[in-house]
PDB file of N, CA and C in Angstrom:
ATOM      1  N   MET A   1     -17.359  35.576 -37.005  1.00  0.00           N
ATOM      2  CA  MET A   1     -17.150  34.536 -37.599  1.00  0.00           C
ATOM      3  C   MET A   1     -16.135  33.639 -36.695  1.00  0.00           C
ATOM      4  N   TYR A   2     -16.265  32.127 -36.919  1.00  0.00           N
ATOM      5  CA  TYR A   2     -15.436  31.363 -35.907  1.00  0.00           C
ATOM      6  C   TYR A   2     -14.613  30.162 -36.663  1.00  0.00           C
ATOM      7  N   ILE A   3     -13.753  29.905 -36.001  1.00  0.00           N
ATOM      8  CA  ILE A   3     -12.663  29.164 -36.823  1.00  0.00           C
ATOM      9  C   ILE A   3     -12.738  27.807 -36.089  1.00  0.00           C
ATOM     10  N   GLU A   4     -13.027  26.663 -36.299  1.00  0.00           N
ATOM     11  CA  GLU A   4     -13.015  25.473 -35.322  1.00  0.00           C
ATOM     12  C   GLU A   4     -11.475  25.077 -35.733  1.00  0.00           C
ATOM     13  N   VAL A   5     -10.793  24.253 -34.859  1.00  0.00           N
ATOM     14  CA  VAL A   5      -9.547  23.408 -35.000  1.00  0.00           C
ATOM     15  C   VAL A   5     -10.124  22.382 -34.427  1.00  0.00           C
ATOM     16  N   ASP A   6     -10.020  21.090 -35.261  1.00  0.00           N
ATOM     17  CA  ASP A   6     -10.090  20.095 -35.146  1.00  0.00           C
ATOM     18  C   ASP A   6      -8.931  19.153 -35.524  1.00  0.00           C
ATOM     19  N   VAL A   7      -7.858  18.672 -34.739  1.00  0.00           N
ATOM     20  CA  VAL A   7      -6.923  18.218 -34.848  1.00  0.00           C
ATOM     21  C   VAL A   7      -7.170  16.585 -34.077  1.00  0.00           C
ATOM     22  N   GLU A   8      -6.661  15.853 -34.966  1.00  0.00           N
ATOM     23  CA  GLU A   8      -6.290  14.327 -34.962  1.00  0.00           C
ATOM     24  C   GLU A   8      -4.667  13.999 -34.046  1.00  0.00           C
ATOM     25  N   ASP A   9      -4.536  13.018 -33.282  1.00  0.00           N
ATOM     26  CA  ASP A   9      -3.356  12.947 -33.152  1.00  0.00           C
ATOM     27  C   ASP A   9      -2.808  11.808 -33.992  1.00  0.00           C
ATOM     28  N   GLY A  10      -1.301  11.858 -33.940  1.00  0.00           N
ATOM     29  CA  GLY A  10      -1.158  10.997 -35.373  1.00  0.00           C
ATOM     30  C   GLY A  10       0.602  11.247 -35.162  1.00  0.00           C
ATOM     31  N   PRO A  11       1.329  10.899 -36.497  1.00  0.00           N
ATOM     32  CA  PRO A  11       2.402  11.046 -36.854  1.00  0.00           C
ATOM     33  C   PRO A  11       2.860  12.585 -36.273  1.00  0.00           C
ATOM     34  N   ASN A  12       2.283  13.381 -37.082  1.00  0.00           N
ATOM     35  CA  ASN A  12       2.808  14.852 -36.760  1.00  0.00           C
ATOM     36  C   ASN A  12       2.786  15.327 -35.125  1.00  0.00           C
ATOM     37  N   CYS A  13       1.733  15.100 -34.813  1.00  0.00           N
ATOM     38  CA  CYS A  13       1.747  15.474 -33.163  1.00  0.00           C
ATOM     39  C   CYS A  13       1.145  14.688 -32.079  1.00  0.00           C
ATOM     40  N   ASP A  14       1.515  14.409 -30.950  1.00  0.00           N
ATOM     41  CA  ASP A  14       0.911  13.223 -29.966  1.00  0.00           C
ATOM     42  C   ASP A  14      -0.220  13.638 -29.887  1.00  0.00           C
ATOM     43  N   TRP A  15      -0.833  14.623 -29.612  1.00  0.00           N
ATOM     44  CA  TRP A  15      -2.425  15.128 -29.028  1.00  0.00           C
ATOM     45  C   TRP A  15      -3.401  15.472 -29.996  1.00  0.00           C
ATOM     46  N   SER A  16      -4.594  15.345 -29.428  1.00  0.00           N
ATOM     47  CA  SER A  16      -5.697  16.180 -30.407  1.00  0.00           C
ATOM     48  C   SER A  16      -6.286  17.027 -29.791  1.00  0.00           C
ATOM     49  N   LEU A  17      -6.937  18.009 -30.306  1.00  0.00           N
ATOM     50  CA  LEU A  17      -7.509  19.019 -30.097  1.00  0.00           C
ATOM     51  C   LEU A  17      -8.647  19.567 -30.713  1.00  0.00           C
ATOM     52  N   VAL A  18      -9.717  19.830 -30.164  1.00  0.00           N
ATOM     53  CA  VAL A  18     -10.956  20.329 -30.757  1.00  0.00           C
ATOM     54  C   VAL A  18     -11.407  21.617 -29.769  1.00  0.00           C
ATOM     55  N   LYS A  19     -11.265  22.779 -30.758  1.00  0.00           N
ATOM     56  CA  LYS A  19     -11.540  24.006 -29.849  1.00  0.00           C
ATOM     57  C   LYS A  19     -12.057  24.868 -31.233  1.00  0.00           C
ATOM     58  N   MET A  20     -13.045  25.988 -30.401  1.00  0.00           N
ATOM     59  CA  MET A  20     -13.408  27.036 -31.510  1.00  0.00           C
ATOM     60  C   MET A  20     -13.135  28.715 -30.811  1.00  0.00           C
ATOM     61  N   PHE A  21     -12.624  29.007 -32.197  1.00  0.00           N
ATOM     62  CA  PHE A  21     -11.942  30.425 -31.732  1.00  0.00           C
ATOM     63  C   PHE A  21     -12.807  31.425 -32.569  1.00  0.00           C
ATOM     64  N   GLU A  22     -12.935  32.522 -32.096  1.00  0.00           N
ATOM     65  CA  GLU A  22     -13.926  33.765 -32.508  1.00  0.00           C
ATOM     66  C   GLU A  22     -13.000  34.645 -33.335  1.00  0.00           C
ATOM     67  N   THR A  23     -13.328  35.027 -34.279  1.00  0.00           N
ATOM     68  CA  THR A  23     -12.424  35.961 -35.225  1.00  0.00           C
ATOM     69  C   THR A  23     -13.024  37.094 -35.593  1.00  0.00           C
ATOM     70  N   LYS A  24     -12.607  37.918 -36.238  1.00  0.00           N
ATOM     71  CA  LYS A  24     -12.930  39.408 -36.438  1.00  0.00           C
ATOM     72  C   LYS A  24     -12.408  39.786 -38.130  1.00  0.00           C
ATOM     73  N   GLU A  25     -11.520  38.791 -38.552  1.00  0.00           N
ATOM     74  CA  GLU A  25     -10.695  39.027 -39.970  1.00  0.00           C
ATOM     75  C   GLU A  25     -10.842  37.578 -40.503  1.00  0.00           C
ATOM     76  N   ARG A  26     -10.904  37.437 -41.942  1.00  0.00           N
ATOM     77  CA  ARG A  26     -10.828  36.368 -42.576  1.00  0.00           C
ATOM     78  C   ARG A  26      -9.163  35.434 -42.277  1.00  0.00           C
ATOM     79  N   PRO A  27      -9.377  34.402 -42.320  1.00  0.00           N
ATOM     80  CA  PRO A  27      -7.921  33.383 -42.177  1.00  0.00           C
ATOM     81  C   PRO A  27      -6.904  34.016 -43.322  1.00  0.00           C
ATOM     82  N   TYR A  28      -5.716  33.896 -43.275  1.00  0.00           N
ATOM     83  CA  TYR A  28      -5.101  34.171 -44.418  1.00  0.00           C
ATOM     84  C   TYR A  28      -3.961  32.988 -44.378  1.00  0.00           C
ATOM     85  N   GLU A  29      -3.444  32.663 -45.798  1.00  0.00           N
ATOM     86  CA  GLU A  29      -2.388  31.511 -45.745  1.00  0.00           C
ATOM     87  C   GLU A  29      -1.220  32.360 -45.629  1.00  0.00           C
ATOM     88  N   ILE A  30      -0.223  31.266 -44.773  1.00  0.00           N
ATOM     89  CA  ILE A  30       1.297  31.787 -44.547  1.00  0.00           C
ATOM     90  C   ILE A  30       1.885  30.465 -45.020  1.00  0.00           C
ATOM     91  N   THR A  31       2.988  30.910 -44.688  1.00  0.00           N
ATOM     92  CA  THR A  31       4.074  29.730 -45.214  1.00  0.00           C
ATOM     93  C   THR A  31       5.294  30.142 -44.143  1.00  0.00           C
ATOM     94  N   ARG A  32       5.490  31.154 -43.611  1.00  0.00           N
ATOM     95  CA  ARG A  32       6.283  31.395 -42.464  1.00  0.00           C
ATOM     96  C   ARG A  32       6.003  32.215 -41.281  1.00  0.00           C
ATOM     97  N   VAL A  33       6.599  31.623 -39.776  1.00  0.00           N
ATOM     98  CA  VAL A  33       6.408  32.484 -38.815  1.00  0.00           C
ATOM     99  C   VAL A  33       7.527  32.387 -37.717  1.00  0.00           C
ATOM    100  N   MET A  34       7.152  33.388 -36.827  1.00  0.00           N
ATOM    101  CA  MET A  34       8.202  33.489 -35.957  1.00  0.00           C
ATOM    102  C   MET A  34       7.585  33.020 -34.318  1.00  0.00           C
ATOM    103  N   ALA A  35       8.201  31.877 -34.106  1.00  0.00           N
ATOM    104  CA  ALA A  35       8.005  31.187 -33.277  1.00  0.00           C
ATOM    105  C   ALA A  35       9.101  30.400 -32.620  1.00  0.00           C
ATOM    106  N   SER A  36       8.845  30.120 -31.690  1.00  0.00           N
ATOM    107  CA  SER A  36       9.661  28.815 -30.490  1.00  0.00           C
ATOM    108  C   SER A  36       9.465  27.810 -30.250  1.00  0.00           C
ATOM    109  N   ARG A  37      10.238  26.875 -30.648  1.00  0.00           N
ATOM    110  CA  ARG A  37      10.164  25.476 -30.241  1.00  0.00           C
ATOM    111  C   ARG A  37      10.292  25.486 -28.808  1.00  0.00           C
ATOM    112  N   PRO A  38       9.437  24.301 -28.165  1.00  0.00           N
ATOM    113  CA  PRO A  38       9.494  24.105 -26.979  1.00  0.00           C
ATOM    114  C   PRO A  38      11.221  24.209 -26.102  1.00  0.00           C
ATOM    115  N   GLY A  39      11.241  25.070 -25.298  1.00  0.00           N
ATOM    116  CA  GLY A  39      12.971  25.097 -24.983  1.00  0.00           C
ATOM    117  C   GLY A  39      13.964  25.913 -25.723  1.00  0.00           C
ATOM    118  N   SER A  40      13.403  26.410 -26.636  1.00  0.00           N
ATOM    119  CA  SER A  40      14.113  27.180 -27.626  1.00  0.00           C
ATOM    120  C   SER A  40      14.091  28.599 -27.775  1.00  0.00           C
ATOM    121  N   PRO A  41      14.942  29.376 -28.312  1.00  0.00           N
ATOM    122  CA  PRO A  41      14.689  30.848 -28.394  1.00  0.00           C
ATOM    123  C   PRO A  41      13.742  30.926 -29.608  1.00  0.00           C
ATOM    124  N   LEU A  42      12.994  32.536 -29.828  1.00  0.00           N
ATOM    125  CA  LEU A  42      12.264  32.780 -30.990  1.00  0.00           C
ATOM    126  C   LEU A  42      12.741  32.727 -32.054  1.00  0.00           C
ATOM    127  N   GLU A  43      12.443  31.816 -33.421  1.00  0.00           N
ATOM    128  CA  GLU A  43      13.259  31.592 -34.457  1.00  0.00           C
ATOM    129  C   GLU A  43      12.182  31.868 -35.733  1.00  0.00           C
ATOM    130  N   LEU A  44      12.537  32.081 -36.977  1.00  0.00           N
ATOM    131  CA  LEU A  44      11.806  32.254 -37.813  1.00  0.00           C
ATOM    132  C   LEU A  44      11.620  30.601 -38.309  1.00  0.00           C
ATOM    133  N   TRP A  45      10.419  30.247 -38.854  1.00  0.00           N
ATOM    134  CA  TRP A  45      10.005  28.953 -38.865  1.00  0.00           C
ATOM    135  C   TRP A  45       9.157  28.624 -40.499  1.00  0.00           C
ATOM    136  N   GLN A  46       9.432  27.744 -41.277  1.00  0.00           N
ATOM    137  CA  GLN A  46       8.534  27.611 -42.333  1.00  0.00           C
ATOM    138  C   GLN A  46       7.138  26.864 -42.030  1.00  0.00           C
ATOM    139  N   VAL A  47       6.086  27.095 -42.088  1.00  0.00           N
ATOM    140  CA  VAL A  47       5.235  26.748 -41.637  1.00  0.00           C
ATOM    141  C   VAL A  47       4.488  26.086 -42.907  1.00  0.00           C
ATOM    142  N   THR A  48       3.446  24.482 -42.408  1.00  0.00           N
ATOM    143  CA  THR A  48       2.490  23.982 -43.609  1.00  0.00           C
ATOM    144  C   THR A  48       1.496  23.343 -42.680  1.00  0.00           C
ATOM    145  N   GLY A  49       0.505  23.252 -43.279  1.00  0.00           N
ATOM    146  CA  GLY A  49      -0.617  22.725 -42.534  1.00  0.00           C
ATOM    147  C   GLY A  49      -0.382  20.940 -42.914  1.00  0.00           C
ATOM    148  N   TRP A  50      -0.966  20.646 -41.752  1.00  0.00           N
ATOM    149  CA  TRP A  50      -0.449  18.715 -41.766  1.00  0.00           C
ATOM    150  C   TRP A  50      -2.012  17.936 -41.939  1.00  0.00           C
ATOM    151  N   SER A  51      -1.751  17.124 -42.876  1.00  0.00           N
ATOM    152  CA  SER A  51      -3.194  16.119 -43.044  1.00  0.00           C
ATOM    153  C   SER A  51      -2.838  14.754 -43.147  1.00  0.00           C
ATOM    154  N   GLU A  52      -3.746  13.663 -43.561  1.00  0.00           N
ATOM    155  CA  GLU A  52      -3.361  12.457 -43.449  1.00  0.00           C
ATOM    156  C   GLU A  52      -2.757  12.376 -45.029  1.00  0.00           C
ATOM    157  N   GLY A  53      -2.715  13.217 -45.963  1.00  0.00           N
ATOM    158  CA  GLY A  53      -2.076  13.205 -47.131  1.00  0.00           C
ATOM    159  C   GLY A  53      -0.958  13.704 -47.112  1.00  0.00           C
ATOM    160  N   GLY A  54      -0.426  14.732 -46.044  1.00  0.00           N
ATOM    161  CA  GLY A  54       0.876  15.361 -45.974  1.00  0.00           C
ATOM    162  C   GLY A  54       0.668  16.568 -46.189  1.00  0.00           C
ATOM    163  N   ALA A  55       1.402  17.681 -46.383  1.00  0.00           N
ATOM    164  CA  ALA A  55       1.589  19.027 -46.771  1.00  0.00           C
ATOM    165  C   ALA A  55       0.475  19.441 -47.385  1.00  0.00           C
ATOM    166  N   MET A  56      -0.374  20.683 -46.520  1.00  0.00           N
ATOM    167  CA  MET A  56      -0.986  21.345 -47.203  1.00  0.00           C
ATOM    168  C   MET A  56      -1.190  22.589 -46.753  1.00  0.00           C
ATOM    169  N   PRO A  57      -1.739  23.682 -47.045  1.00  0.00           N
ATOM    170  CA  PRO A  57      -1.427  25.198 -46.495  1.00  0.00           C
ATOM    171  C   PRO A  57      -1.772  25.421 -45.226  1.00  0.00           C
ATOM    172  N   ALA A  58      -1.258  26.486 -44.803  1.00  0.00           N
ATOM    173  CA  ALA A  58      -1.438  26.648 -43.235  1.00  0.00           C
ATOM    174  C   ALA A  58      -2.161  28.182 -43.352  1.00  0.00           C
ATOM    175  N   TYR A  59      -3.057  28.600 -42.182  1.00  0.00           N
ATOM    176  CA  TYR A  59      -3.527  30.015 -42.612  1.00  0.00           C
ATOM    177  C   TYR A  59      -3.448  30.555 -40.724  1.00  0.00           C
ATOM    178  N   ALA A  60      -3.362  31.715 -40.743  1.00  0.00           N
ATOM    179  CA  ALA A  60      -3.439  32.237 -39.581  1.00  0.00           C
ATOM    180  C   ALA A  60      -4.489  33.391 -39.678  1.00  0.00           C
ATOM    181  N   ALA A  61      -4.730  33.950 -38.294  1.00  0.00           N
ATOM    182  CA  ALA A  61      -5.895  34.778 -38.240  1.00  0.00           C
ATOM    183  C   ALA A  61      -5.943  35.269 -36.763  1.00  0.00           C
ATOM    184  N   HIS A  62      -6.086  36.603 -36.255  1.00  0.00           N
ATOM    185  CA  HIS A  62      -6.238  36.913 -35.126  1.00  0.00           C
ATOM    186  C   HIS A  62      -7.593  36.397 -34.433  1.00  0.00           C
ATOM    187  N   VAL A  63      -7.552  36.095 -32.918  1.00  0.00           N
ATOM    188  CA  VAL A  63      -9.058  35.219 -32.621  1.00  0.00           C
ATOM    189  C   VAL A  63      -8.968  35.575 -31.324  1.00  0.00           C
ATOM    190  N   SER A  64     -10.034  35.692 -30.827  1.00  0.00           N
ATOM    191  CA  SER A  64     -10.221  35.578 -29.096  1.00  0.00           C
ATOM    192  C   SER A  64     -10.074  34.467 -28.170  1.00  0.00           C
ATOM    193  N   ASP A  65      -9.013  34.714 -27.272  1.00  0.00           N
ATOM    194  CA  ASP A  65      -8.663  33.294 -26.439  1.00  0.00           C
ATOM    195  C   ASP A  65      -9.001  33.741 -24.910  1.00  0.00           C
ATOM    196  N   SER A  66      -9.904  32.892 -24.563  1.00  0.00           N
ATOM    197  CA  SER A  66     -10.515  33.166 -23.279  1.00  0.00           C
ATOM    198  C   SER A  66      -9.099  33.220 -22.054  1.00  0.00           C
ATOM    199  N   GLY A  67      -9.036  34.333 -21.434  1.00  0.00           N
ATOM    200  CA  GLY A  67      -7.710  34.493 -20.450  1.00  0.00           C
ATOM    201  C   GLY A  67      -6.437  35.336 -21.426  1.00  0.00           C
ATOM    202  N   GLU A  68      -6.690  35.232 -22.553  1.00  0.00           N
ATOM    203  CA  GLU A  68      -5.549  35.533 -23.040  1.00  0.00           C
ATOM    204  C   GLU A  68      -5.884  37.245 -23.920  1.00  0.00           C
ATOM    205  N   GLY A  69      -6.756  37.128 -24.161  1.00  0.00           N
ATOM    206  CA  GLY A  69      -7.259  38.311 -24.956  1.00  0.00           C
ATOM    207  C   GLY A  69      -7.398  38.246 -26.438  1.00  0.00           C
ATOM    208  N   MET A  70      -6.734  38.808 -27.363  1.00  0.00           N
ATOM    209  CA  MET A  70      -6.750  38.842 -28.936  1.00  0.00           C
ATOM    210  C   MET A  70      -5.017  38.214 -29.062  1.00  0.00           C
ATOM    211  N   VAL A  71      -5.030  36.890 -29.780  1.00  0.00           N
ATOM    212  CA  VAL A  71      -3.816  36.343 -30.179  1.00  0.00           C
ATOM    213  C   VAL A  71      -3.852  36.051 -31.541  1.00  0.00           C
ATOM    214  N   LEU A  72      -2.532  35.634 -31.968  1.00  0.00           N
ATOM    215  CA  LEU A  72      -2.627  35.295 -33.613  1.00  0.00           C
ATOM    216  C   LEU A  72      -2.650  33.603 -33.381  1.00  0.00           C
ATOM    217  N   LEU A  73      -3.871  33.012 -34.664  1.00  0.00           N
ATOM    218  CA  LEU A  73      -3.866  31.647 -34.376  1.00  0.00           C
ATOM    219  C   LEU A  73      -3.286  30.985 -35.610  1.00  0.00           C
ATOM    220  N   VAL A  74      -2.423  30.191 -35.460  1.00  0.00           N
ATOM    221  CA  VAL A  74      -1.626  29.450 -36.409  1.00  0.00           C
ATOM    222  C   VAL A  74      -2.065  28.010 -36.771  1.00  0.00           C
ATOM    223  N   TYR A  75      -2.898  27.887 -37.725  1.00  0.00           N
ATOM    224  CA  TYR A  75      -3.395  26.237 -37.995  1.00  0.00           C
ATOM    225  C   TYR A  75      -3.440  25.644 -39.407  1.00  0.00           C
ATOM    226  N   GLY A  76      -3.783  24.498 -39.299  1.00  0.00           N
ATOM    227  CA  GLY A  76      -3.807  23.785 -40.573  1.00  0.00           C
ATOM    228  C   GLY A  76      -4.607  22.842 -41.000  1.00  0.00           C
ATOM    229  N   GLY A  77      -4.226  21.248 -41.386  1.00  0.00           N
ATOM    230  CA  GLY A  77      -5.024  20.354 -41.357  1.00  0.00           C
ATOM    231  C   GLY A  77      -5.511  19.586 -40.162  1.00  0.00           C
ATOM    232  N   ASN A  78      -6.489  18.573 -40.620  1.00  0.00           N
ATOM    233  CA  ASN A  78      -6.984  17.479 -39.623  1.00  0.00           C
ATOM    234  C   ASN A  78      -5.651  16.781 -38.695  1.00  0.00           C
ATOM    235  N   HIS A  79      -4.197  16.910 -39.107  1.00  0.00           N
ATOM    236  CA  HIS A  79      -3.402  16.464 -38.336  1.00  0.00           C
ATOM    237  C   HIS A  79      -2.103  17.907 -37.731  1.00  0.00           C
ATOM    238  N   GLY A  80      -2.827  18.679 -37.611  1.00  0.00           N
ATOM    239  CA  GLY A  80      -2.336  20.154 -37.476  1.00  0.00           C
ATOM    240  C   GLY A  80      -1.290  21.078 -37.931  1.00  0.00           C
ATOM    241  N   ILE A  81      -0.415  21.604 -37.421  1.00  0.00           N
ATOM    242  CA  ILE A  81       0.815  22.095 -38.552  1.00  0.00           C
ATOM    243  C   ILE A  81       1.911  21.375 -38.396  1.00  0.00           C
ATOM    244  N   ARG A  82       2.977  21.428 -39.239  1.00  0.00           N
ATOM    245  CA  ARG A  82       4.209  21.258 -39.421  1.00  0.00           C
ATOM    246  C   ARG A  82       5.362  22.356 -39.348  1.00  0.00           C
ATOM    247  N   LEU A  83       6.317  22.575 -38.696  1.00  0.00           N
ATOM    248  CA  LEU A  83       7.351  23.670 -38.840  1.00  0.00           C
ATOM    249  C   LEU A  83       8.579  23.092 -39.196  1.00  0.00           C
ATOM    250  N   LYS A  84       9.611  23.629 -39.698  1.00  0.00           N
ATOM    251  CA  LYS A  84      10.816  23.459 -40.216  1.00  0.00           C
ATOM    252  C   LYS A  84      11.764  24.599 -39.838  1.00  0.00           C
ATOM    253  N   PRO A  85      12.960  24.406 -40.152  1.00  0.00           N
ATOM    254  CA  PRO A  85      13.787  25.908 -39.741  1.00  0.00           C
ATOM    255  C   PRO A  85      13.813  26.884 -41.177  1.00  0.00           C
ATOM    256  N   GLY A  86      13.477  27.997 -40.929  1.00  0.00           N
ATOM    257  CA  GLY A  86      13.555  28.929 -42.097  1.00  0.00           C
ATOM    258  C   GLY A  86      14.254  28.800 -43.146  1.00  0.00           C
ATOM    259  N   ASP A  87      15.521  28.278 -42.925  1.00  0.00           N
ATOM    260  CA  ASP A  87      16.328  28.215 -44.099  1.00  0.00           C
ATOM    261  C   ASP A  87      16.598  26.426 -44.640  1.00  0.00           C
ATOM    262  N   SER A  88      15.777  25.724 -44.080  1.00  0.00           N
ATOM    263  CA  SER A  88      15.627  24.363 -44.598  1.00  0.00           C
ATOM    264  C   SER A  88      15.394  24.243 -46.143  1.00  0.00           C
ATOM    265  N   VAL A  89      15.735  23.388 -46.900  1.00  0.00           N
ATOM    266  CA  VAL A  89      15.439  23.182 -48.021  1.00  0.00           C
ATOM    267  C   VAL A  89      14.571  21.784 -48.367  1.00  0.00           C
ATOM    268  N   ASP A  90      15.183  20.879 -47.184  1.00  0.00           N
ATOM    269  CA  ASP A  90      14.479  19.632 -46.793  1.00  0.00           C
ATOM    270  C   ASP A  90      12.704  19.264 -47.056  1.00  0.00           C
ATOM    271  N   MET A  91      12.504  18.426 -47.766  1.00  0.00           N
ATOM    272  CA  MET A  91      11.070  18.093 -47.850  1.00  0.00           C
ATOM    273  C   MET A  91      10.453  18.072 -46.440  1.00  0.00           C
ATOM    274  N   TRP A  92       8.585  18.366 -46.376  1.00  0.00           N
ATOM    275  CA  TRP A  92       8.323  17.803 -45.264  1.00  0.00           C
ATOM    276  C   TRP A  92       8.330  16.463 -45.054  1.00  0.00           C
ATOM    277  N   ASP A  93       8.569  16.125 -43.693  1.00  0.00           N
ATOM    278  CA  ASP A  93       8.522  14.565 -43.416  1.00  0.00           C
ATOM    279  C   ASP A  93       8.719  14.578 -41.725  1.00  0.00           C
ATOM    280  N   VAL A  94       7.350  13.662 -41.217  1.00  0.00           N
ATOM    281  CA  VAL A  94       7.265  13.338 -40.179  1.00  0.00           C
ATOM    282  C   VAL A  94       8.705  12.689 -39.345  1.00  0.00           C
ATOM    283  N   GLU A  95       9.641  12.494 -40.013  1.00  0.00           N
ATOM    284  CA  GLU A  95      10.470  11.354 -39.848  1.00  0.00           C
ATOM    285  C   GLU A  95      11.883  12.626 -39.454  1.00  0.00           C
ATOM    286  N   ASP A  96      11.563  13.823 -40.132  1.00  0.00           N
ATOM    287  CA  ASP A  96      12.969  14.722 -39.792  1.00  0.00           C
ATOM    288  C   ASP A  96      12.815  15.439 -38.487  1.00  0.00           C
ATOM    289  N   ASP A  97      13.670  14.900 -37.719  1.00  0.00           N
ATOM    290  CA  ASP A  97      13.927  15.152 -36.316  1.00  0.00           C
ATOM    291  C   ASP A  97      13.837  17.150 -35.754  1.00  0.00           C
ATOM    292  N   THR A  98      14.561  17.521 -37.204  1.00  0.00           N
ATOM    293  CA  THR A  98      14.809  18.993 -37.360  1.00  0.00           C
ATOM    294  C   THR A  98      13.565  19.852 -37.206  1.00  0.00           C
ATOM    295  N   GLN A  99      12.113  18.971 -37.987  1.00  0.00           N
ATOM    296  CA  GLN A  99      11.208  19.603 -37.726  1.00  0.00           C
ATOM    297  C   GLN A  99      10.015  19.104 -36.717  1.00  0.00           C
ATOM    298  N   TRP A 100       9.080  19.777 -36.722  1.00  0.00           N
ATOM    299  CA  TRP A 100       8.110  19.599 -35.221  1.00  0.00           C
ATOM    300  C   TRP A 100       6.487  19.981 -35.742  1.00  0.00           C
ATOM    301  N   GLY A 101       5.640  19.108 -34.753  1.00  0.00           N
ATOM    302  CA  GLY A 101       4.144  19.049 -35.375  1.00  0.00           C
ATOM    303  C   GLY A 101       3.727  19.793 -34.383  1.00  0.00           C
ATOM    304  N   GLU A 102       2.173  20.610 -34.364  1.00  0.00           N
ATOM    305  CA  GLU A 102       1.849  20.786 -33.208  1.00  0.00           C
ATOM    306  C   GLU A 102       0.356  21.082 -33.760  1.00  0.00           C
ATOM    307  N   PRO A 103      -0.872  20.872 -32.771  1.00  0.00           N
ATOM    308  CA  PRO A 103      -2.256  20.697 -33.316  1.00  0.00           C
ATOM    309  C   PRO A 103      -2.387  22.437 -34.141  1.00  0.00           C
ATOM    310  N   CYS A 104      -1.726  23.318 -33.358  1.00  0.00           N
ATOM    311  CA  CYS A 104      -1.816  24.776 -33.578  1.00  0.00           C
ATOM    312  C   CYS A 104      -0.991  25.598 -33.107  1.00  0.00           C
ATOM    313  N   LEU A 105      -0.739  26.833 -33.031  1.00  0.00           N
ATOM    314  CA  LEU A 105       0.069  27.616 -32.375  1.00  0.00           C
ATOM    315  C   LEU A 105      -1.058  28.911 -31.948  1.00  0.00           C
ATOM    316  N   LEU A 106      -0.787  29.282 -30.618  1.00  0.00           N
ATOM    317  CA  LEU A 106      -1.291  30.602 -30.107  1.00  0.00           C
ATOM    318  C   LEU A 106      -0.124  31.374 -29.947  1.00  0.00           C
ATOM    319  N   LEU A 107      -0.045  32.498 -30.710  1.00  0.00           N
ATOM    320  CA  LEU A 107       1.005  33.201 -30.245  1.00  0.00           C
ATOM    321  C   LEU A 107       0.693  35.009 -30.163  1.00  0.00           C
ATOM    322  N   PRO A 108       1.575  35.294 -29.935  1.00  0.00           N
ATOM    323  CA  PRO A 108       1.082  36.960 -29.393  1.00  0.00           C
ATOM    324  C   PRO A 108       0.574  37.797 -30.267  1.00  0.00           C
ATOM    325  N   ALA A 109      -0.363  38.549 -30.261  1.00  0.00           N
ATOM    326  CA  ALA A 109      -1.111  39.318 -31.506  1.00  0.00           C
ATOM    327  C   ALA A 109      -0.231  40.131 -32.481  1.00  0.00           C
ATOM    328  N   GLU A 110       1.036  40.282 -31.860  1.00  0.00           N
ATOM    329  CA  GLU A 110       1.890  41.135 -32.872  1.00  0.00           C
ATOM    330  C   GLU A 110       2.947  40.264 -33.555  1.00  0.00           C
ATOM    331  N   ALA A 111       2.807  38.658 -33.285  1.00  0.00           N
ATOM    332  CA  ALA A 111       3.487  37.669 -33.746  1.00  0.00           C
ATOM    333  C   ALA A 111       4.034  37.828 -35.421  1.00  0.00           C
ATOM    334  N   TYR A 112       4.990  37.777 -35.896  1.00  0.00           N
ATOM    335  CA  TYR A 112       5.254  37.689 -37.343  1.00  0.00           C
ATOM    336  C   TYR A 112       4.599  36.795 -38.128  1.00  0.00           C
ATOM    337  N   ALA A 113       3.727  36.816 -39.242  1.00  0.00           N
ATOM    338  CA  ALA A 113       3.558  35.430 -39.973  1.00  0.00           C
ATOM    339  C   ALA A 113       3.101  35.667 -41.239  1.00  0.00           C
ATOM    340  N   GLU A 114       3.888  35.056 -42.367  1.00  0.00           N
ATOM    341  CA  GLU A 114       3.474  35.682 -43.582  1.00  0.00           C
ATOM    342  C   GLU A 114       3.475  34.437 -44.597  1.00  0.00           C
TER     343      GLU A 114
END
C-alpha cells in the first residue's frame, strides 16, 4: 500500500511537497503528536490536517523512508498539517503565531501519536 503526500504551498506552510511512501499498515486518524517545533524541545502538540477549507483530519502511519528506514508519517490535507500547543483552547488559525504548519512530519518510528 502507498500513501501519496501532495501538499501545495499557501498560508499554512511556505513550501510544496509531492512524495510517495510505502506502508504496511492502514493510516489512522490522530489529534495529538509528540514533536518539536524547529529549534525547540520535544512537546505534545494538537495536530490537524489543513486544506483550502481549513481544518480536516490528520493521519499517521508507519512508512518506509529511503535512508531512514521505518518512520512515522504524520500528514493531512492538500495544505499539509497544522500544530498548536497541547493545552491550547484557541481555534485553528493560520494567523496565530503559537501554531505552525508543515507539509508533513517524519518522526522516529516509536514517536507518540494518538
